[in-house]
Amino acid sequence: MANTESSGNRLPRRRVRLTVRVLLLGIVLIAIWLSWVTNAWRSQRYAVETIKRLGGTVGYDFQYVGGDPDGTPIPNPQPPAPVWLRRNVGDEPFQAVVQVALIGDRFRDADLVILKNLPRLRTIVLFNCSKITNDGLEHLESIRGNVT
């Protein structure tokens, strides 16, 4: 009789019910977020490839103490992720461009538009870029953050 009394005093257990509609909505939201993030990674990769193809250089956040290009460079830096993960996913999720050096007369005004794809860019160095005019420098005004 003690068993029936103790079991009768229990509160009914609530079960979490997930409908198919809620699960599908969650999957759609995750897919939208992933597409937005991977598009940002792809845009950064395109910008870096273009800058390097034209003879420029880029600096990543993991290459400097505190991620600030004004800080001390780290000798032999590696992106902060395991090699197997970087090999399968790519380096873009684990690095952000913080410094760009455009060197030489291969850069034109239109090439500065790709810098918009680098949201964490802090430093831009223009050296001997005779084909960049004031019109091209207007593209730099739209870059967010503290760019020096």
N, C-alpha and C. Protein backbone atom coordinates (compact mmCIF):
# COMPACT_ATOMS: atom_id res chain seq x y z
N MET A 1 0.82 -1.19 0.00
CA MET A 1 0.00 0.00 0.00
C MET A 1 0.86 1.25 0.00
N ALA A 2 2.02 1.18 0.57
CA ALA A 2 2.92 2.32 0.59
C ALA A 2 3.34 2.69 -0.82
N ASN A 3 3.47 1.70 -1.69
CA ASN A 3 3.87 1.99 -3.07
C ASN A 3 2.81 2.78 -3.81
N THR A 4 1.55 2.48 -3.58
CA THR A 4 0.49 3.19 -4.30
C THR A 4 0.36 4.62 -3.80
N GLU A 5 0.57 4.84 -2.52
CA GLU A 5 0.46 6.20 -2.00
C GLU A 5 1.60 7.08 -2.49
N SER A 6 2.81 6.56 -2.49
CA SER A 6 3.94 7.38 -2.93
C SER A 6 3.86 7.65 -4.43
N SER A 7 3.37 6.70 -5.19
CA SER A 7 3.26 6.93 -6.63
C SER A 7 2.09 7.86 -6.94
N GLY A 8 1.10 7.91 -6.09
CA GLY A 8 -0.04 8.79 -6.31
C GLY A 8 0.29 10.25 -6.02
N ASN A 9 1.33 10.53 -5.23
CA ASN A 9 1.69 11.89 -4.89
C ASN A 9 2.61 12.56 -5.92
N ARG A 10 3.04 11.82 -6.88
CA ARG A 10 3.93 12.40 -7.88
C ARG A 10 3.18 13.35 -8.80
N LEU A 11 3.89 14.38 -9.16
CA LEU A 11 3.33 15.29 -10.15
C LEU A 11 3.47 14.68 -11.53
N PRO A 12 2.54 14.98 -12.39
CA PRO A 12 2.67 14.42 -13.74
C PRO A 12 3.92 14.98 -14.44
N ARG A 13 4.60 14.13 -15.12
CA ARG A 13 5.85 14.50 -15.79
C ARG A 13 5.53 15.17 -17.12
N ARG A 14 6.10 16.35 -17.32
CA ARG A 14 5.88 17.06 -18.57
C ARG A 14 6.85 16.55 -19.61
N ARG A 15 6.36 16.35 -20.77
CA ARG A 15 7.21 15.92 -21.87
C ARG A 15 7.29 17.05 -22.88
N VAL A 16 8.47 17.26 -23.35
CA VAL A 16 8.67 18.28 -24.37
C VAL A 16 8.26 17.68 -25.69
N ARG A 17 7.37 18.37 -26.36
CA ARG A 17 6.91 17.88 -27.65
C ARG A 17 7.40 18.83 -28.74
N LEU A 18 8.10 18.27 -29.65
CA LEU A 18 8.54 19.03 -30.81
C LEU A 18 7.78 18.53 -32.03
N THR A 19 7.10 19.42 -32.63
CA THR A 19 6.37 19.03 -33.83
C THR A 19 7.32 19.10 -35.03
N VAL A 20 6.90 18.52 -36.09
CA VAL A 20 7.70 18.54 -37.32
C VAL A 20 7.86 19.98 -37.79
N ARG A 21 6.85 20.78 -37.61
CA ARG A 21 6.91 22.18 -38.03
C ARG A 21 7.99 22.95 -37.28
N VAL A 22 8.10 22.72 -35.97
CA VAL A 22 9.11 23.39 -35.17
C VAL A 22 10.51 22.91 -35.57
N LEU A 23 10.67 21.63 -35.80
CA LEU A 23 11.96 21.09 -36.23
C LEU A 23 12.37 21.66 -37.59
N LEU A 24 11.44 21.73 -38.52
CA LEU A 24 11.74 22.29 -39.83
C LEU A 24 12.10 23.77 -39.73
N LEU A 25 11.40 24.50 -38.89
CA LEU A 25 11.72 25.91 -38.70
C LEU A 25 13.13 26.07 -38.14
N GLY A 26 13.51 25.23 -37.18
CA GLY A 26 14.86 25.28 -36.64
C GLY A 26 15.92 24.97 -37.68
N ILE A 27 15.66 23.98 -38.51
CA ILE A 27 16.59 23.62 -39.57
C ILE A 27 16.74 24.75 -40.57
N VAL A 28 15.63 25.39 -40.93
CA VAL A 28 15.68 26.51 -41.88
C VAL A 28 16.47 27.67 -41.30
N LEU A 29 16.26 28.00 -40.02
CA LEU A 29 17.01 29.08 -39.39
C LEU A 29 18.51 28.78 -39.34
N ILE A 30 18.87 27.55 -39.02
CA ILE A 30 20.28 27.16 -39.01
C ILE A 30 20.87 27.24 -40.41
N ALA A 31 20.12 26.83 -41.42
CA ALA A 31 20.61 26.88 -42.80
C ALA A 31 20.81 28.32 -43.27
N ILE A 32 19.91 29.21 -42.89
CA ILE A 32 20.07 30.63 -43.25
C ILE A 32 21.31 31.20 -42.59
N TRP A 33 21.51 30.92 -41.31
CA TRP A 33 22.69 31.41 -40.61
C TRP A 33 23.97 30.87 -41.24
N LEU A 34 24.01 29.57 -41.53
CA LEU A 34 25.21 28.97 -42.13
C LEU A 34 25.50 29.56 -43.51
N SER A 35 24.47 29.82 -44.29
CA SER A 35 24.71 30.41 -45.61
C SER A 35 25.27 31.82 -45.49
N TRP A 36 24.81 32.58 -44.51
CA TRP A 36 25.32 33.93 -44.31
C TRP A 36 26.79 33.89 -43.88
N VAL A 37 27.12 32.98 -42.97
CA VAL A 37 28.49 32.87 -42.47
C VAL A 37 29.43 32.38 -43.56
N THR A 38 29.04 31.35 -44.29
CA THR A 38 29.92 30.82 -45.34
C THR A 38 30.08 31.81 -46.48
N ASN A 39 29.08 32.63 -46.73
CA ASN A 39 29.23 33.67 -47.75
C ASN A 39 30.27 34.70 -47.32
N ALA A 40 30.31 35.04 -46.04
CA ALA A 40 31.33 35.97 -45.54
C ALA A 40 32.72 35.35 -45.67
N TRP A 41 32.85 34.06 -45.38
CA TRP A 41 34.14 33.39 -45.54
C TRP A 41 34.57 33.37 -47.01
N ARG A 42 33.61 33.10 -47.90
CA ARG A 42 33.92 33.06 -49.33
C ARG A 42 34.33 34.44 -49.83
N SER A 43 33.67 35.47 -49.36
CA SER A 43 34.01 36.84 -49.76
C SER A 43 35.41 37.21 -49.29
N GLN A 44 35.77 36.81 -48.07
CA GLN A 44 37.11 37.08 -47.56
C GLN A 44 38.14 36.34 -48.40
N ARG A 45 37.87 35.08 -48.74
CA ARG A 45 38.81 34.31 -49.55
C ARG A 45 39.02 34.97 -50.91
N TYR A 46 37.94 35.43 -51.53
CA TYR A 46 38.05 36.09 -52.83
C TYR A 46 38.89 37.37 -52.72
N ALA A 47 38.64 38.15 -51.68
CA ALA A 47 39.40 39.40 -51.49
C ALA A 47 40.88 39.12 -51.30
N VAL A 48 41.21 38.12 -50.48
CA VAL A 48 42.60 37.78 -50.22
C VAL A 48 43.28 37.28 -51.49
N GLU A 49 42.59 36.43 -52.26
CA GLU A 49 43.17 35.93 -53.51
C GLU A 49 43.43 37.07 -54.48
N THR A 50 42.50 38.01 -54.57
CA THR A 50 42.67 39.15 -55.49
C THR A 50 43.84 40.02 -55.06
N ILE A 51 43.93 40.31 -53.77
CA ILE A 51 45.03 41.16 -53.27
C ILE A 51 46.38 40.48 -53.53
N LYS A 52 46.48 39.19 -53.25
CA LYS A 52 47.74 38.49 -53.47
C LYS A 52 48.06 38.37 -54.96
N ARG A 53 47.07 38.15 -55.79
CA ARG A 53 47.30 38.04 -57.23
C ARG A 53 47.86 39.33 -57.80
N LEU A 54 47.43 40.46 -57.24
CA LEU A 54 47.90 41.77 -57.71
C LEU A 54 49.21 42.20 -57.04
N GLY A 55 49.75 41.38 -56.17
CA GLY A 55 51.04 41.68 -55.56
C GLY A 55 50.97 42.27 -54.17
N GLY A 56 49.81 42.32 -53.57
CA GLY A 56 49.67 42.85 -52.22
C GLY A 56 49.87 41.76 -51.17
N THR A 57 49.83 42.16 -49.93
CA THR A 57 49.97 41.21 -48.82
C THR A 57 48.84 41.45 -47.82
N VAL A 58 48.57 40.42 -47.03
CA VAL A 58 47.54 40.52 -45.99
C VAL A 58 48.12 40.02 -44.68
N GLY A 59 47.60 40.56 -43.58
CA GLY A 59 47.97 40.12 -42.25
C GLY A 59 46.72 39.67 -41.52
N TYR A 60 46.81 38.55 -40.83
CA TYR A 60 45.67 37.97 -40.13
C TYR A 60 45.75 38.24 -38.64
N ASP A 61 44.60 38.15 -37.98
CA ASP A 61 44.54 38.45 -36.55
C ASP A 61 45.41 37.53 -35.70
N PHE A 62 45.54 36.27 -36.07
CA PHE A 62 46.32 35.35 -35.26
C PHE A 62 47.83 35.59 -35.39
N GLN A 63 48.24 36.46 -36.30
CA GLN A 63 49.66 36.73 -36.49
C GLN A 63 50.19 37.82 -35.56
N TYR A 64 49.30 38.46 -34.80
CA TYR A 64 49.68 39.57 -33.93
C TYR A 64 49.16 39.32 -32.52
N VAL A 65 49.90 39.79 -31.53
CA VAL A 65 49.47 39.68 -30.14
C VAL A 65 48.19 40.51 -29.97
N GLY A 66 47.15 39.91 -29.47
CA GLY A 66 45.89 40.60 -29.28
C GLY A 66 45.10 40.80 -30.56
N GLY A 67 45.56 40.28 -31.69
CA GLY A 67 44.85 40.43 -32.95
C GLY A 67 44.93 41.81 -33.55
N ASP A 68 45.75 42.68 -32.97
CA ASP A 68 45.87 44.06 -33.43
C ASP A 68 47.13 44.20 -34.28
N PRO A 69 47.01 44.67 -35.54
CA PRO A 69 48.20 44.78 -36.38
C PRO A 69 49.22 45.79 -35.87
N ASP A 70 48.83 46.64 -34.93
CA ASP A 70 49.78 47.56 -34.32
C ASP A 70 50.56 46.88 -33.19
N GLY A 71 50.13 45.67 -32.82
CA GLY A 71 50.80 44.94 -31.75
C GLY A 71 52.04 44.21 -32.23
N THR A 72 52.57 43.41 -31.35
CA THR A 72 53.78 42.66 -31.64
C THR A 72 53.47 41.46 -32.52
N PRO A 73 54.22 41.27 -33.62
CA PRO A 73 54.00 40.07 -34.44
C PRO A 73 54.42 38.81 -33.69
N ILE A 74 53.69 37.74 -33.92
CA ILE A 74 53.99 36.46 -33.30
C ILE A 74 54.86 35.66 -34.27
N PRO A 75 56.01 35.15 -33.82
CA PRO A 75 56.85 34.35 -34.72
C PRO A 75 56.20 32.99 -35.01
N ASN A 76 56.23 32.58 -36.26
CA ASN A 76 55.68 31.30 -36.71
C ASN A 76 54.24 31.08 -36.24
N PRO A 77 53.32 31.97 -36.56
CA PRO A 77 51.95 31.81 -36.08
C PRO A 77 51.19 30.73 -36.85
N GLN A 78 50.22 30.14 -36.19
CA GLN A 78 49.33 29.16 -36.79
C GLN A 78 47.89 29.56 -36.46
N PRO A 79 46.95 29.38 -37.39
CA PRO A 79 45.55 29.67 -37.06
C PRO A 79 45.11 28.82 -35.87
N PRO A 80 44.23 29.36 -35.04
CA PRO A 80 43.84 28.67 -33.80
C PRO A 80 42.82 27.56 -34.03
N ALA A 81 43.21 26.53 -34.75
CA ALA A 81 42.34 25.38 -34.98
C ALA A 81 43.22 24.18 -35.32
N PRO A 82 42.75 22.99 -35.05
CA PRO A 82 43.54 21.81 -35.40
C PRO A 82 43.75 21.71 -36.92
N VAL A 83 44.85 21.12 -37.31
CA VAL A 83 45.19 21.02 -38.73
C VAL A 83 44.14 20.22 -39.48
N TRP A 84 43.65 19.13 -38.90
CA TRP A 84 42.66 18.29 -39.59
C TRP A 84 41.38 19.07 -39.86
N LEU A 85 40.99 19.96 -38.95
CA LEU A 85 39.78 20.75 -39.15
C LEU A 85 39.99 21.81 -40.22
N ARG A 86 41.15 22.46 -40.19
CA ARG A 86 41.45 23.46 -41.22
C ARG A 86 41.56 22.82 -42.60
N ARG A 87 42.06 21.60 -42.66
CA ARG A 87 42.17 20.89 -43.93
C ARG A 87 40.79 20.59 -44.50
N ASN A 88 39.82 20.26 -43.64
CA ASN A 88 38.49 19.90 -44.10
C ASN A 88 37.57 21.09 -44.31
N VAL A 89 37.70 22.11 -43.48
CA VAL A 89 36.80 23.27 -43.54
C VAL A 89 37.43 24.45 -44.27
N GLY A 90 38.73 24.57 -44.17
CA GLY A 90 39.44 25.72 -44.72
C GLY A 90 39.91 26.62 -43.59
N ASP A 91 40.76 27.58 -43.94
CA ASP A 91 41.32 28.48 -42.92
C ASP A 91 40.42 29.67 -42.61
N GLU A 92 39.52 30.03 -43.51
CA GLU A 92 38.74 31.26 -43.35
C GLU A 92 37.95 31.34 -42.05
N PRO A 93 37.34 30.26 -41.55
CA PRO A 93 36.60 30.39 -40.29
C PRO A 93 37.47 30.74 -39.08
N PHE A 94 38.78 30.54 -39.20
CA PHE A 94 39.66 30.68 -38.05
C PHE A 94 40.62 31.85 -38.17
N GLN A 95 40.44 32.69 -39.16
CA GLN A 95 41.32 33.84 -39.34
C GLN A 95 40.53 35.00 -39.92
N ALA A 96 40.92 36.19 -39.52
CA ALA A 96 40.29 37.40 -40.04
C ALA A 96 41.41 38.33 -40.51
N VAL A 97 41.21 38.93 -41.66
CA VAL A 97 42.20 39.86 -42.20
C VAL A 97 42.11 41.16 -41.41
N VAL A 98 43.25 41.60 -40.85
CA VAL A 98 43.29 42.86 -40.10
C VAL A 98 44.21 43.88 -40.73
N GLN A 99 45.04 43.44 -41.69
CA GLN A 99 45.97 44.36 -42.33
C GLN A 99 46.11 44.01 -43.80
N VAL A 100 46.13 45.05 -44.64
CA VAL A 100 46.31 44.88 -46.07
C VAL A 100 47.37 45.87 -46.53
N ALA A 101 48.32 45.38 -47.32
CA ALA A 101 49.33 46.25 -47.93
C ALA A 101 49.20 46.13 -49.44
N LEU A 102 48.84 47.23 -50.07
CA LEU A 102 48.73 47.28 -51.53
C LEU A 102 49.98 47.96 -52.04
N ILE A 103 50.81 47.20 -52.75
CA ILE A 103 52.11 47.69 -53.16
C ILE A 103 52.23 47.61 -54.68
N GLY A 104 52.56 48.72 -55.30
CA GLY A 104 52.80 48.73 -56.74
C GLY A 104 51.66 49.35 -57.53
N ASP A 105 51.92 49.52 -58.80
CA ASP A 105 50.95 50.20 -59.65
C ASP A 105 49.97 49.25 -60.33
N ARG A 106 49.91 48.00 -59.88
CA ARG A 106 48.93 47.06 -60.43
C ARG A 106 47.54 47.28 -59.85
N PHE A 107 47.44 48.00 -58.73
CA PHE A 107 46.15 48.24 -58.09
C PHE A 107 45.48 49.46 -58.71
N ARG A 108 44.20 49.34 -58.96
CA ARG A 108 43.41 50.42 -59.55
C ARG A 108 42.28 50.79 -58.58
N ASP A 109 41.55 51.83 -58.92
CA ASP A 109 40.44 52.29 -58.08
C ASP A 109 39.43 51.17 -57.82
N ALA A 110 39.08 50.43 -58.86
CA ALA A 110 38.06 49.39 -58.73
C ALA A 110 38.50 48.26 -57.79
N ASP A 111 39.80 48.07 -57.63
CA ASP A 111 40.28 47.00 -56.75
C ASP A 111 40.03 47.31 -55.29
N LEU A 112 39.85 48.56 -54.94
CA LEU A 112 39.61 48.91 -53.53
C LEU A 112 38.22 48.50 -53.06
N VAL A 113 37.33 48.19 -53.99
CA VAL A 113 35.97 47.78 -53.61
C VAL A 113 36.01 46.46 -52.83
N ILE A 114 36.95 45.59 -53.13
CA ILE A 114 36.99 44.28 -52.45
C ILE A 114 37.33 44.41 -50.97
N LEU A 115 37.87 45.55 -50.56
CA LEU A 115 38.20 45.72 -49.14
C LEU A 115 36.95 45.77 -48.27
N LYS A 116 35.79 46.00 -48.88
CA LYS A 116 34.53 45.97 -48.12
C LYS A 116 34.23 44.57 -47.61
N ASN A 117 34.83 43.55 -48.23
CA ASN A 117 34.60 42.17 -47.81
C ASN A 117 35.45 41.76 -46.62
N LEU A 118 36.18 42.70 -46.04
CA LEU A 118 37.05 42.41 -44.90
C LEU A 118 36.58 43.23 -43.70
N PRO A 119 35.59 42.74 -42.95
CA PRO A 119 34.96 43.54 -41.90
C PRO A 119 35.87 43.86 -40.71
N ARG A 120 36.92 43.07 -40.46
CA ARG A 120 37.79 43.33 -39.31
C ARG A 120 39.08 44.03 -39.71
N LEU A 121 39.11 44.57 -40.92
CA LEU A 121 40.30 45.26 -41.41
C LEU A 121 40.59 46.49 -40.56
N ARG A 122 41.84 46.61 -40.12
CA ARG A 122 42.23 47.72 -39.26
C ARG A 122 43.26 48.64 -39.91
N THR A 123 44.13 48.08 -40.75
CA THR A 123 45.22 48.86 -41.33
C THR A 123 45.29 48.62 -42.84
N ILE A 124 45.39 49.72 -43.59
CA ILE A 124 45.58 49.65 -45.04
C ILE A 124 46.83 50.44 -45.36
N VAL A 125 47.76 49.80 -46.07
CA VAL A 125 48.99 50.45 -46.49
C VAL A 125 48.96 50.56 -48.00
N LEU A 126 49.07 51.79 -48.51
CA LEU A 126 49.15 52.03 -49.95
C LEU A 126 50.56 52.53 -50.23
N PHE A 127 51.31 51.77 -51.03
CA PHE A 127 52.68 52.16 -51.33
C PHE A 127 52.90 52.09 -52.83
N ASN A 128 53.25 53.24 -53.40
CA ASN A 128 53.56 53.33 -54.82
C ASN A 128 52.38 52.89 -55.68
N CYS A 129 51.19 53.27 -55.27
CA CYS A 129 49.96 52.92 -56.02
C CYS A 129 49.55 54.13 -56.86
N SER A 130 50.26 54.35 -57.95
CA SER A 130 50.05 55.55 -58.76
C SER A 130 48.73 55.54 -59.51
N LYS A 131 48.11 54.36 -59.68
CA LYS A 131 46.85 54.29 -60.43
C LYS A 131 45.61 54.41 -59.54
N ILE A 132 45.82 54.62 -58.25
CA ILE A 132 44.70 54.85 -57.34
C ILE A 132 44.52 56.36 -57.18
N THR A 133 43.31 56.81 -57.49
CA THR A 133 43.01 58.24 -57.44
C THR A 133 42.12 58.54 -56.24
N ASN A 134 41.73 59.80 -56.12
CA ASN A 134 40.82 60.20 -55.04
C ASN A 134 39.47 59.50 -55.18
N ASP A 135 39.06 59.24 -56.41
CA ASP A 135 37.80 58.51 -56.60
C ASP A 135 37.88 57.11 -55.99
N GLY A 136 39.02 56.48 -56.12
CA GLY A 136 39.21 55.15 -55.54
C GLY A 136 39.25 55.19 -54.03
N LEU A 137 39.80 56.27 -53.49
CA LEU A 137 39.87 56.37 -52.03
C LEU A 137 38.50 56.56 -51.40
N GLU A 138 37.52 56.98 -52.18
CA GLU A 138 36.15 57.11 -51.66
C GLU A 138 35.59 55.75 -51.25
N HIS A 139 36.06 54.67 -51.88
CA HIS A 139 35.62 53.33 -51.49
C HIS A 139 36.05 53.01 -50.07
N LEU A 140 37.14 53.60 -49.64
CA LEU A 140 37.64 53.32 -48.29
C LEU A 140 36.78 53.97 -47.21
N GLU A 141 36.05 55.02 -47.56
CA GLU A 141 35.21 55.70 -46.58
C GLU A 141 34.08 54.82 -46.07
N SER A 142 33.66 53.88 -46.89
CA SER A 142 32.53 53.03 -46.48
C SER A 142 32.95 51.87 -45.60
N ILE A 143 34.24 51.70 -45.38
CA ILE A 143 34.70 50.59 -44.53
C ILE A 143 34.46 50.95 -43.07
N ARG A 144 33.85 50.01 -42.35
CA ARG A 144 33.52 50.24 -40.95
C ARG A 144 34.76 50.10 -40.07
N GLY A 145 34.66 50.62 -38.88
CA GLY A 145 35.70 50.42 -37.89
C GLY A 145 36.79 51.48 -37.94
N ASN A 146 37.82 51.22 -37.19
CA ASN A 146 38.96 52.13 -37.11
C ASN A 146 40.05 51.68 -38.05
N VAL A 147 39.99 52.15 -39.24
CA VAL A 147 41.00 51.81 -40.23
C VAL A 147 42.01 52.93 -40.27
N THR A 148 43.30 52.58 -40.19
CA THR A 148 44.35 53.60 -40.23
C THR A 148 45.14 53.47 -41.51
